[in-house]
Amino acid sequence: MHETHHPVCDTNEPRQPQASADPRRWTALAVLSLAQFMLILDLTVVNVALPDLGADLDLSRTAFTWTVSAYGLVFGGLLLLGGRLADIFGTRPIILTGLVIFTLASLITGLAQNEPMLLGGRIAQGAGAALLSPAALSAIASIFHGVERNKALSVWASLGGVGFAAGVLIGGLLTAGPGWRWVFFINVPVGIVLLATIRALLPP
């Protein structure tokens, strides 16, 4: 008569979000974080390759500067647009579109034979990154909830920081090994794998 405590309800209540959560969410986080790592890596990976790149393509002093800065400027400048497009069209199509643009642009940049081709590729890379990054962040925020969301966002942010620091090291290894073009070519197989995986993991 006086019993007001219901153990069954109390036990089940916190389990509801966990039971309805997508079991593939951590794999999706790993894939999206790898994509972000690749985008941030390209901010610094080209720095070490500049002397060899400039010698091969006979770059002007202005082109040297724009090879590094064009990507970052377009990437940062179009982030708000990328986020807005993700709100309108959905995160999955914008993520895939951005990844396709970034991967193709990386191939074009690696194949560059002159300044316009090189700089055009870097600008297109930045545009692809600006679509992919905010849409992927939005997808992570929608997949995870509560405490898990904070953990997921921490992983996302930390891998981005690692990518920025690792760019110089990876750029040096690629330039000293297969050559400066592989600073860009390396994004192509990684991008293809990410495309297939994201299509399989993220719901339409």
C-alpha atoms as a PDB file:
ATOM      1  CA  MET A   1       0.000   0.000   0.000  1.00  0.00           C
ATOM      2  CA  HIS A   2       2.784   2.360   0.933  1.00  0.00           C
ATOM      3  CA  GLU A   3       5.303   0.995  -1.580  1.00  0.00           C
ATOM      4  CA  THR A   4       6.175   3.635  -4.143  1.00  0.00           C
ATOM      5  CA  HIS A   5       9.573   2.346  -5.290  1.00  0.00           C
ATOM      6  CA  HIS A   6       9.638   0.238  -8.459  1.00  0.00           C
ATOM      7  CA  PRO A   7      12.994  -1.500  -8.898  1.00  0.00           C
ATOM      8  CA  VAL A   8      12.155  -2.748 -12.370  1.00  0.00           C
ATOM      9  CA  CYS A   9      11.463   0.728 -13.723  1.00  0.00           C
ATOM     10  CA  ASP A  10      14.573   2.174 -12.074  1.00  0.00           C
ATOM     11  CA  THR A  11      16.728  -0.598 -13.504  1.00  0.00           C
ATOM     12  CA  ASN A  12      15.410  -0.330 -17.036  1.00  0.00           C
ATOM     13  CA  GLU A  13      15.367   3.447 -17.372  1.00  0.00           C
ATOM     14  CA  PRO A  14      19.110   4.087 -17.765  1.00  0.00           C
ATOM     15  CA  ARG A  15      19.441   1.147 -20.104  1.00  0.00           C
ATOM     16  CA  GLN A  16      17.024   2.483 -22.691  1.00  0.00           C
ATOM     17  CA  PRO A  17      19.478   4.788 -24.514  1.00  0.00           C
ATOM     18  CA  GLN A  18      22.163   2.092 -24.462  1.00  0.00           C
ATOM     19  CA  ALA A  19      19.801  -0.542 -25.821  1.00  0.00           C
ATOM     20  CA  SER A  20      18.756   1.691 -28.738  1.00  0.00           C
ATOM     21  CA  ALA A  21      22.277   2.867 -29.558  1.00  0.00           C
ATOM     22  CA  ASP A  22      23.815   1.738 -32.834  1.00  0.00           C
ATOM     23  CA  PRO A  23      26.298  -1.059 -32.063  1.00  0.00           C
ATOM     24  CA  ARG A  24      28.500   0.176 -34.923  1.00  0.00           C
ATOM     25  CA  ARG A  25      28.902   3.652 -33.434  1.00  0.00           C
ATOM     26  CA  TRP A  26      32.465   3.133 -32.155  1.00  0.00           C
ATOM     27  CA  THR A  27      33.588   1.760 -35.513  1.00  0.00           C
ATOM     28  CA  ALA A  28      31.956   4.750 -37.190  1.00  0.00           C
ATOM     29  CA  LEU A  29      33.806   7.048 -34.789  1.00  0.00           C
ATOM     30  CA  ALA A  30      37.129   5.395 -35.671  1.00  0.00           C
ATOM     31  CA  VAL A  31      36.489   5.815 -39.406  1.00  0.00           C
ATOM     32  CA  LEU A  32      35.321   9.425 -39.151  1.00  0.00           C
ATOM     33  CA  SER A  33      38.239  10.277 -36.862  1.00  0.00           C
ATOM     34  CA  LEU A  34      40.650   8.766 -39.401  1.00  0.00           C
ATOM     35  CA  ALA A  35      39.097  10.989 -42.070  1.00  0.00           C
ATOM     36  CA  GLN A  36      39.588  14.031 -39.848  1.00  0.00           C
ATOM     37  CA  PHE A  37      43.175  12.955 -39.156  1.00  0.00           C
ATOM     38  CA  MET A  38      43.805  12.885 -42.916  1.00  0.00           C
ATOM     39  CA  LEU A  39      42.317  16.355 -43.392  1.00  0.00           C
ATOM     40  CA  ILE A  40      44.375  17.925 -40.602  1.00  0.00           C
ATOM     41  CA  LEU A  41      47.490  16.076 -41.752  1.00  0.00           C
ATOM     42  CA  ASP A  42      47.342  17.898 -45.079  1.00  0.00           C
ATOM     43  CA  LEU A  43      47.723  21.237 -43.331  1.00  0.00           C
ATOM     44  CA  THR A  44      51.368  20.469 -42.501  1.00  0.00           C
ATOM     45  CA  VAL A  45      52.425  17.411 -44.508  1.00  0.00           C
ATOM     46  CA  VAL A  46      53.356  19.493 -47.550  1.00  0.00           C
ATOM     47  CA  ASN A  47      55.825  21.711 -45.663  1.00  0.00           C
ATOM     48  CA  VAL A  48      58.742  19.275 -45.784  1.00  0.00           C
ATOM     49  CA  ALA A  49      58.067  18.444 -49.438  1.00  0.00           C
ATOM     50  CA  LEU A  50      58.203  22.080 -50.594  1.00  0.00           C
ATOM     51  CA  PRO A  51      61.899  22.198 -51.615  1.00  0.00           C
ATOM     52  CA  ASP A  52      61.627  19.098 -53.837  1.00  0.00           C
ATOM     53  CA  LEU A  53      58.194  20.098 -55.080  1.00  0.00           C
ATOM     54  CA  GLY A  54      59.353  23.608 -55.935  1.00  0.00           C
ATOM     55  CA  ALA A  55      62.426  22.357 -57.766  1.00  0.00           C
ATOM     56  CA  ASP A  56      60.457  19.874 -59.885  1.00  0.00           C
ATOM     57  CA  LEU A  57      57.712  22.307 -60.856  1.00  0.00           C
ATOM     58  CA  ASP A  58      59.885  25.441 -60.887  1.00  0.00           C
ATOM     59  CA  LEU A  59      57.523  27.235 -58.523  1.00  0.00           C
ATOM     60  CA  SER A  60      57.650  30.977 -57.986  1.00  0.00           C
ATOM     61  CA  ARG A  61      57.979  32.440 -54.506  1.00  0.00           C
ATOM     62  CA  THR A  62      54.260  33.285 -54.540  1.00  0.00           C
ATOM     63  CA  ALA A  63      53.353  29.736 -55.515  1.00  0.00           C
ATOM     64  CA  PHE A  64      55.446  28.419 -52.609  1.00  0.00           C
ATOM     65  CA  THR A  65      53.317  30.432 -50.206  1.00  0.00           C
ATOM     66  CA  TRP A  66      50.006  29.505 -51.793  1.00  0.00           C
ATOM     67  CA  THR A  67      50.834  25.807 -51.929  1.00  0.00           C
ATOM     68  CA  VAL A  68      50.805  25.801 -48.135  1.00  0.00           C
ATOM     69  CA  SER A  69      48.147  28.416 -47.392  1.00  0.00           C
ATOM     70  CA  ALA A  70      45.518  27.804 -50.115  1.00  0.00           C
ATOM     71  CA  TYR A  71      44.362  24.565 -48.523  1.00  0.00           C
ATOM     72  CA  GLY A  72      44.047  26.024 -45.043  1.00  0.00           C
ATOM     73  CA  LEU A  73      42.296  29.187 -46.215  1.00  0.00           C
ATOM     74  CA  VAL A  74      39.657  27.357 -48.241  1.00  0.00           C
ATOM     75  CA  PHE A  75      39.237  24.695 -45.561  1.00  0.00           C
ATOM     76  CA  GLY A  76      38.650  27.244 -42.806  1.00  0.00           C
ATOM     77  CA  GLY A  77      36.746  29.712 -44.952  1.00  0.00           C
ATOM     78  CA  LEU A  78      34.097  27.227 -46.121  1.00  0.00           C
ATOM     79  CA  LEU A  79      33.529  25.355 -42.842  1.00  0.00           C
ATOM     80  CA  LEU A  80      30.315  27.233 -42.041  1.00  0.00           C
ATOM     81  CA  LEU A  81      29.000  26.545 -45.536  1.00  0.00           C
ATOM     82  CA  GLY A  82      29.843  22.867 -45.154  1.00  0.00           C
ATOM     83  CA  GLY A  83      27.973  22.713 -41.862  1.00  0.00           C
ATOM     84  CA  ARG A  84      24.951  24.448 -43.358  1.00  0.00           C
ATOM     85  CA  LEU A  85      24.867  22.054 -46.319  1.00  0.00           C
ATOM     86  CA  ALA A  86      25.005  19.121 -43.893  1.00  0.00           C
ATOM     87  CA  ASP A  87      21.950  20.568 -42.102  1.00  0.00           C
ATOM     88  CA  ILE A  88      20.064  20.891 -45.386  1.00  0.00           C
ATOM     89  CA  PHE A  89      21.016  17.697 -47.229  1.00  0.00           C
ATOM     90  CA  GLY A  90      22.015  15.409 -44.349  1.00  0.00           C
ATOM     91  CA  THR A  91      25.392  14.458 -42.961  1.00  0.00           C
ATOM     92  CA  ARG A  92      25.961  11.225 -44.900  1.00  0.00           C
ATOM     93  CA  PRO A  93      25.735  12.653 -48.466  1.00  0.00           C
ATOM     94  CA  ILE A  94      27.846  15.679 -47.547  1.00  0.00           C
ATOM     95  CA  ILE A  95      30.497  13.490 -45.895  1.00  0.00           C
ATOM     96  CA  LEU A  96      30.689  11.283 -48.982  1.00  0.00           C
ATOM     97  CA  THR A  97      30.700  14.260 -51.356  1.00  0.00           C
ATOM     98  CA  GLY A  98      33.466  15.981 -49.422  1.00  0.00           C
ATOM     99  CA  LEU A  99      35.525  12.797 -49.297  1.00  0.00           C
ATOM    100  CA  VAL A 100      35.171  12.212 -53.046  1.00  0.00           C
ATOM    101  CA  ILE A 101      36.237  15.804 -53.794  1.00  0.00           C
ATOM    102  CA  PHE A 102      39.176  15.596 -51.400  1.00  0.00           C
ATOM    103  CA  THR A 103      40.365  12.240 -52.772  1.00  0.00           C
ATOM    104  CA  LEU A 104      40.145  13.309 -56.426  1.00  0.00           C
ATOM    105  CA  ALA A 105      41.816  16.626 -55.622  1.00  0.00           C
ATOM    106  CA  SER A 106      44.665  14.777 -53.902  1.00  0.00           C
ATOM    107  CA  LEU A 107      45.173  12.693 -57.045  1.00  0.00           C
ATOM    108  CA  ILE A 108      45.201  15.810 -59.242  1.00  0.00           C
ATOM    109  CA  THR A 109      47.638  17.578 -56.925  1.00  0.00           C
ATOM    110  CA  GLY A 110      49.977  14.592 -56.927  1.00  0.00           C
ATOM    111  CA  LEU A 111      49.912  14.538 -60.727  1.00  0.00           C
ATOM    112  CA  ALA A 112      50.508  18.296 -61.020  1.00  0.00           C
ATOM    113  CA  GLN A 113      52.912  19.396 -63.761  1.00  0.00           C
ATOM    114  CA  ASN A 114      52.657  23.154 -63.236  1.00  0.00           C
ATOM    115  CA  GLU A 115      51.609  25.849 -60.782  1.00  0.00           C
ATOM    116  CA  PRO A 116      47.944  26.191 -61.825  1.00  0.00           C
ATOM    117  CA  MET A 117      47.349  22.453 -61.560  1.00  0.00           C
ATOM    118  CA  LEU A 118      49.051  22.280 -58.179  1.00  0.00           C
ATOM    119  CA  LEU A 119      47.220  25.258 -56.698  1.00  0.00           C
ATOM    120  CA  GLY A 120      43.896  24.196 -58.210  1.00  0.00           C
ATOM    121  CA  GLY A 121      44.297  20.806 -56.584  1.00  0.00           C
ATOM    122  CA  ARG A 122      45.097  22.350 -53.205  1.00  0.00           C
ATOM    123  CA  ILE A 123      42.034  24.625 -53.417  1.00  0.00           C
ATOM    124  CA  ALA A 124      39.818  21.651 -54.295  1.00  0.00           C
ATOM    125  CA  GLN A 125      41.308  19.696 -51.397  1.00  0.00           C
ATOM    126  CA  GLY A 126      40.313  22.518 -49.065  1.00  0.00           C
ATOM    127  CA  ALA A 127      36.775  22.589 -50.453  1.00  0.00           C
ATOM    128  CA  GLY A 128      36.387  18.844 -49.942  1.00  0.00           C
ATOM    129  CA  ALA A 129      37.733  19.089 -46.405  1.00  0.00           C
ATOM    130  CA  ALA A 130      35.338  21.947 -45.608  1.00  0.00           C
ATOM    131  CA  LEU A 131      32.398  19.737 -46.587  1.00  0.00           C
ATOM    132  CA  LEU A 132      33.620  16.607 -44.855  1.00  0.00           C
ATOM    133  CA  SER A 133      34.782  17.915 -41.486  1.00  0.00           C
ATOM    134  CA  PRO A 134      31.659  19.676 -40.114  1.00  0.00           C
ATOM    135  CA  ALA A 135      29.356  16.985 -41.517  1.00  0.00           C
ATOM    136  CA  ALA A 136      31.405  14.246 -39.841  1.00  0.00           C
ATOM    137  CA  LEU A 137      31.364  16.137 -36.545  1.00  0.00           C
ATOM    138  CA  SER A 138      27.591  16.494 -36.804  1.00  0.00           C
ATOM    139  CA  ALA A 139      27.266  12.764 -37.501  1.00  0.00           C
ATOM    140  CA  ILE A 140      29.278  11.925 -34.387  1.00  0.00           C
ATOM    141  CA  ALA A 141      27.109  14.239 -32.279  1.00  0.00           C
ATOM    142  CA  SER A 142      23.967  12.502 -33.541  1.00  0.00           C
ATOM    143  CA  ILE A 143      25.287   8.947 -33.110  1.00  0.00           C
ATOM    144  CA  PHE A 144      26.458   9.389 -29.522  1.00  0.00           C
ATOM    145  CA  HIS A 145      24.515  10.634 -26.516  1.00  0.00           C
ATOM    146  CA  GLY A 146      25.235  11.676 -22.954  1.00  0.00           C
ATOM    147  CA  VAL A 147      28.622  10.770 -21.518  1.00  0.00           C
ATOM    148  CA  GLU A 148      29.520   8.760 -24.623  1.00  0.00           C
ATOM    149  CA  ARG A 149      29.214  11.888 -26.747  1.00  0.00           C
ATOM    150  CA  ASN A 150      31.827  13.685 -24.644  1.00  0.00           C
ATOM    151  CA  LYS A 151      34.199  10.731 -25.009  1.00  0.00           C
ATOM    152  CA  ALA A 152      33.627  10.550 -28.753  1.00  0.00           C
ATOM    153  CA  LEU A 153      34.244  14.275 -29.232  1.00  0.00           C
ATOM    154  CA  SER A 154      37.436  14.008 -27.170  1.00  0.00           C
ATOM    155  CA  VAL A 155      38.718  11.236 -29.453  1.00  0.00           C
ATOM    156  CA  TRP A 156      37.801  13.322 -32.515  1.00  0.00           C
ATOM    157  CA  ALA A 157      39.615  16.410 -31.230  1.00  0.00           C
ATOM    158  CA  SER A 158      42.717  14.559 -30.055  1.00  0.00           C
ATOM    159  CA  LEU A 159      43.215  12.770 -33.377  1.00  0.00           C
ATOM    160  CA  GLY A 160      42.955  16.085 -35.174  1.00  0.00           C
ATOM    161  CA  GLY A 161      45.755  17.454 -32.993  1.00  0.00           C
ATOM    162  CA  VAL A 162      47.869  14.362 -33.620  1.00  0.00           C
ATOM    163  CA  GLY A 163      47.376  14.773 -37.355  1.00  0.00           C
ATOM    164  CA  PHE A 164      48.665  18.351 -37.227  1.00  0.00           C
ATOM    165  CA  ALA A 165      51.814  17.281 -35.382  1.00  0.00           C
ATOM    166  CA  ALA A 166      52.380  14.132 -37.457  1.00  0.00           C
ATOM    167  CA  GLY A 167      52.258  15.992 -40.772  1.00  0.00           C
ATOM    168  CA  VAL A 168      55.890  17.063 -40.675  1.00  0.00           C
ATOM    169  CA  LEU A 169      57.121  13.556 -39.808  1.00  0.00           C
ATOM    170  CA  ILE A 170      54.997  11.764 -42.409  1.00  0.00           C
ATOM    171  CA  GLY A 171      55.803  14.393 -45.032  1.00  0.00           C
ATOM    172  CA  GLY A 172      59.520  13.879 -44.408  1.00  0.00           C
ATOM    173  CA  LEU A 173      59.257  10.096 -44.678  1.00  0.00           C
ATOM    174  CA  LEU A 174      57.268  10.229 -47.916  1.00  0.00           C
ATOM    175  CA  THR A 175      59.484  12.868 -49.506  1.00  0.00           C
ATOM    176  CA  ALA A 176      62.663  10.984 -48.632  1.00  0.00           C
ATOM    177  CA  GLY A 177      61.122   7.698 -49.779  1.00  0.00           C
ATOM    178  CA  PRO A 178      58.828   7.479 -52.821  1.00  0.00           C
ATOM    179  CA  GLY A 179      58.943  11.245 -53.464  1.00  0.00           C
ATOM    180  CA  TRP A 180      56.967  14.425 -52.846  1.00  0.00           C
ATOM    181  CA  ARG A 181      54.027  13.344 -55.025  1.00  0.00           C
ATOM    182  CA  TRP A 182      53.185  10.663 -52.487  1.00  0.00           C
ATOM    183  CA  VAL A 183      52.469  13.365 -49.940  1.00  0.00           C
ATOM    184  CA  PHE A 184      49.229  13.710 -51.950  1.00  0.00           C
ATOM    185  CA  PHE A 185      48.917  10.236 -53.488  1.00  0.00           C
ATOM    186  CA  ILE A 186      48.744   8.630 -50.024  1.00  0.00           C
ATOM    187  CA  ASN A 187      45.288  10.185 -49.585  1.00  0.00           C
ATOM    188  CA  VAL A 188      43.871   8.287 -52.562  1.00  0.00           C
ATOM    189  CA  PRO A 189      43.883   4.682 -51.239  1.00  0.00           C
ATOM    190  CA  VAL A 190      42.957   5.920 -47.769  1.00  0.00           C
ATOM    191  CA  GLY A 191      40.073   7.934 -49.223  1.00  0.00           C
ATOM    192  CA  ILE A 192      38.770   4.962 -51.233  1.00  0.00           C
ATOM    193  CA  VAL A 193      38.773   2.718 -48.156  1.00  0.00           C
ATOM    194  CA  LEU A 194      37.037   5.416 -46.111  1.00  0.00           C
ATOM    195  CA  LEU A 195      34.382   5.874 -48.798  1.00  0.00           C
ATOM    196  CA  ALA A 196      33.475   2.190 -48.776  1.00  0.00           C
ATOM    197  CA  THR A 197      33.511   1.990 -44.982  1.00  0.00           C
ATOM    198  CA  ILE A 198      31.468   5.128 -44.375  1.00  0.00           C
ATOM    199  CA  ARG A 199      28.832   4.005 -46.874  1.00  0.00           C
ATOM    200  CA  ALA A 200      28.503   0.755 -44.962  1.00  0.00           C
ATOM    201  CA  LEU A 201      28.508   2.246 -41.450  1.00  0.00           C
ATOM    202  CA  LEU A 202      26.501   5.465 -41.627  1.00  0.00           C
ATOM    203  CA  PRO A 203      22.734   5.163 -42.092  1.00  0.00           C
ATOM    204  CA  PRO A 204      21.207   7.020 -45.069  1.00  0.00           C
END
